[in-house]
Amino acid sequence: ETLVADFPDVKIQLAHYGTPKLLEGGEIHYGRLEEPIRLIRDHANLSCDLAAYQHMIRQDEPYPYWTALKIVEIMVKGIGADRIQWGTDWPYLGHQPYPELIRSIREADFLKEGEADKILGLNALKFLEEP
C-alpha cells in the first residue's frame, strides 16, 4: 500500500486478483477478496487481473463454473469492471479450456452490457495507453 501511495501516477496491475489465498482446507473463502478490493478501490492507479481464478474450478464442476465466476462477480461488485483484466495464468490452465472460461464470462448474467468486453480485452488496451 505504501508503494502504491508513493507512486500514484504509475499504473499497477495486481496479479491473481491481488493474490489472496482463497482455497484452504478444500473450501473457497471468498471473503478474503475484501482486502485486495479495498486496496484497489482506495488507489485509482491500481487494477487487477483474473489469472489463476480458474484453479478454483473442480474437474467435475459443470459449466458455467460458478466457483470461478463468483470471484469475477465479487470483484466487479467491489471495484467495477473497468479495473479488471482477463488473465490466463498460462501455462497453468487448470481443468477447463480457455474458450469455455471466456464464454462463461461473456454469458455471465451479473455483467452489464459491454463489461465482458472490457474485462476480456478493452481494459488491457487501456492499461497500456500512455497517461
Protein backbone atom coordinates (compact mmCIF):
# COMPACT_ATOMS: atom_id res chain seq x y z
CA GLU A 1 0.00 0.00 0.00
CA THR A 2 2.87 2.39 0.76
CA LEU A 3 4.44 1.76 -2.65
CA VAL A 4 1.15 2.41 -4.42
CA ALA A 5 0.62 5.63 -2.44
CA ASP A 6 4.17 6.80 -3.20
CA PHE A 7 3.65 6.41 -6.95
CA PRO A 8 0.05 7.44 -7.65
CA ASP A 9 0.77 8.19 -11.32
CA VAL A 10 2.13 4.71 -12.07
CA LYS A 11 -0.42 2.19 -13.30
CA ILE A 12 -0.08 -1.04 -11.36
CA GLN A 13 -1.90 -4.29 -12.02
CA LEU A 14 -2.11 -6.81 -9.20
CA ALA A 15 -1.79 -10.36 -10.49
CA HIS A 16 -4.26 -13.03 -9.45
CA TYR A 17 -6.88 -10.52 -8.22
CA GLY A 18 -4.47 -9.40 -5.50
CA THR A 19 -3.34 -12.93 -4.62
CA PRO A 20 -5.39 -13.72 -1.54
CA LYS A 21 -5.25 -17.39 -0.54
CA LEU A 22 -8.84 -18.32 -1.32
CA LEU A 23 -8.58 -22.10 -1.25
CA GLU A 24 -7.86 -23.60 2.14
CA GLY A 25 -8.95 -26.88 3.64
CA GLY A 26 -10.84 -27.75 0.48
CA GLU A 27 -13.07 -24.67 0.86
CA ILE A 28 -13.10 -21.39 -1.04
CA HIS A 29 -13.03 -18.34 1.24
CA TYR A 30 -14.46 -15.57 -0.94
CA GLY A 31 -14.38 -13.12 1.97
CA ARG A 32 -10.61 -12.93 1.56
CA LEU A 33 -11.18 -10.87 -1.58
CA GLU A 34 -12.21 -7.91 0.59
CA GLU A 35 -8.65 -6.79 1.36
CA PRO A 36 -7.48 -6.54 -2.27
CA ILE A 37 -10.83 -4.95 -3.19
CA ARG A 38 -10.29 -2.27 -0.53
CA LEU A 39 -6.72 -1.67 -1.68
CA ILE A 40 -7.70 -1.35 -5.35
CA ARG A 41 -10.74 0.79 -4.56
CA ASP A 42 -8.61 3.17 -2.45
CA HIS A 43 -5.98 3.73 -5.17
CA ALA A 44 -7.06 4.91 -8.63
CA ASN A 45 -3.82 3.66 -10.20
CA LEU A 46 -4.50 0.02 -9.25
CA SER A 47 -6.24 -2.69 -11.21
CA CYS A 48 -6.09 -6.48 -11.16
CA ASP A 49 -6.25 -9.48 -13.42
CA LEU A 50 -8.16 -12.75 -13.11
CA ALA A 51 -5.19 -15.03 -13.72
CA ALA A 52 -5.47 -18.20 -11.64
CA TYR A 53 -9.19 -17.81 -10.87
CA GLN A 54 -9.80 -20.95 -12.94
CA HIS A 55 -7.89 -23.01 -10.36
CA MET A 56 -10.94 -22.78 -8.11
CA ILE A 57 -12.88 -24.95 -10.59
CA ARG A 58 -13.08 -28.63 -9.69
CA GLN A 59 -12.59 -31.09 -12.53
CA ASP A 60 -16.20 -32.28 -12.29
CA GLU A 61 -17.80 -28.82 -11.94
CA PRO A 62 -20.33 -28.13 -14.68
CA TYR A 63 -20.36 -25.07 -16.93
CA PRO A 64 -20.56 -22.10 -16.27
CA TYR A 65 -18.11 -22.82 -13.39
CA TRP A 66 -19.72 -20.77 -10.64
CA THR A 67 -16.86 -21.22 -8.19
CA ALA A 68 -14.68 -19.10 -10.50
CA LEU A 69 -17.43 -16.78 -11.72
CA LYS A 70 -18.16 -15.90 -8.10
CA ILE A 71 -14.69 -14.33 -7.92
CA VAL A 72 -15.47 -12.24 -11.01
CA GLU A 73 -18.84 -11.22 -9.59
CA ILE A 74 -17.37 -10.17 -6.23
CA MET A 75 -14.53 -8.22 -7.87
CA VAL A 76 -16.87 -6.43 -10.29
CA LYS A 77 -19.21 -5.51 -7.45
CA GLY A 78 -16.27 -4.31 -5.33
CA ILE A 79 -14.17 -2.33 -7.82
CA GLY A 80 -16.12 -2.23 -11.09
CA ALA A 81 -15.48 -3.95 -14.39
CA ASP A 82 -13.20 -1.12 -15.58
CA ARG A 83 -10.36 -2.21 -13.29
CA ILE A 84 -10.35 -5.95 -14.01
CA GLN A 85 -8.45 -7.68 -16.81
CA TRP A 86 -8.61 -11.21 -18.10
CA GLY A 87 -5.54 -13.24 -17.21
CA THR A 88 -4.66 -16.75 -18.30
CA ASP A 89 -2.05 -17.86 -15.76
CA TRP A 90 -0.53 -19.71 -18.70
CA PRO A 91 0.81 -22.39 -18.73
CA TYR A 92 -1.18 -23.37 -15.64
CA LEU A 93 -4.60 -23.83 -17.18
CA GLY A 94 -6.49 -25.94 -14.71
CA HIS A 95 -9.28 -28.31 -15.74
CA GLN A 96 -11.30 -26.21 -18.20
CA PRO A 97 -10.19 -24.87 -21.60
CA TYR A 98 -9.77 -21.12 -22.09
CA PRO A 99 -12.60 -20.82 -24.68
CA GLU A 100 -15.06 -22.19 -22.11
CA LEU A 101 -13.79 -19.85 -19.41
CA ILE A 102 -14.12 -16.87 -21.76
CA ARG A 103 -17.61 -17.96 -22.83
CA SER A 104 -18.69 -18.20 -19.19
CA ILE A 105 -17.63 -14.58 -18.62
CA ARG A 106 -19.34 -13.45 -21.82
CA GLU A 107 -22.57 -15.12 -20.69
CA ALA A 108 -22.41 -14.07 -17.02
CA ASP A 109 -25.79 -12.56 -16.18
CA PHE A 110 -24.35 -10.30 -13.46
CA LEU A 111 -22.30 -8.33 -16.01
CA LYS A 112 -23.86 -5.30 -17.69
CA GLU A 113 -23.65 -4.79 -21.42
CA GLY A 114 -20.06 -4.13 -22.51
CA GLU A 115 -18.46 -5.21 -19.22
CA ALA A 116 -17.35 -8.61 -20.54
CA ASP A 117 -15.61 -6.87 -23.46
CA LYS A 118 -13.81 -4.60 -21.01
CA ILE A 119 -12.64 -7.48 -18.84
CA LEU A 120 -11.66 -9.68 -21.77
CA GLY A 121 -9.52 -7.14 -23.62
CA LEU A 122 -10.51 -3.48 -23.65
CA ASN A 123 -9.15 -2.83 -20.15
CA ALA A 124 -5.78 -4.33 -21.14
CA LEU A 125 -5.59 -1.95 -24.09
CA LYS A 126 -6.47 0.97 -21.84
CA PHE A 127 -3.85 -0.11 -19.29
CA LEU A 128 -1.16 0.06 -21.99
CA GLU A 129 -2.12 3.55 -23.16
CA GLU A 130 0.11 6.47 -22.34
CA PRO A 131 -1.21 8.57 -19.43
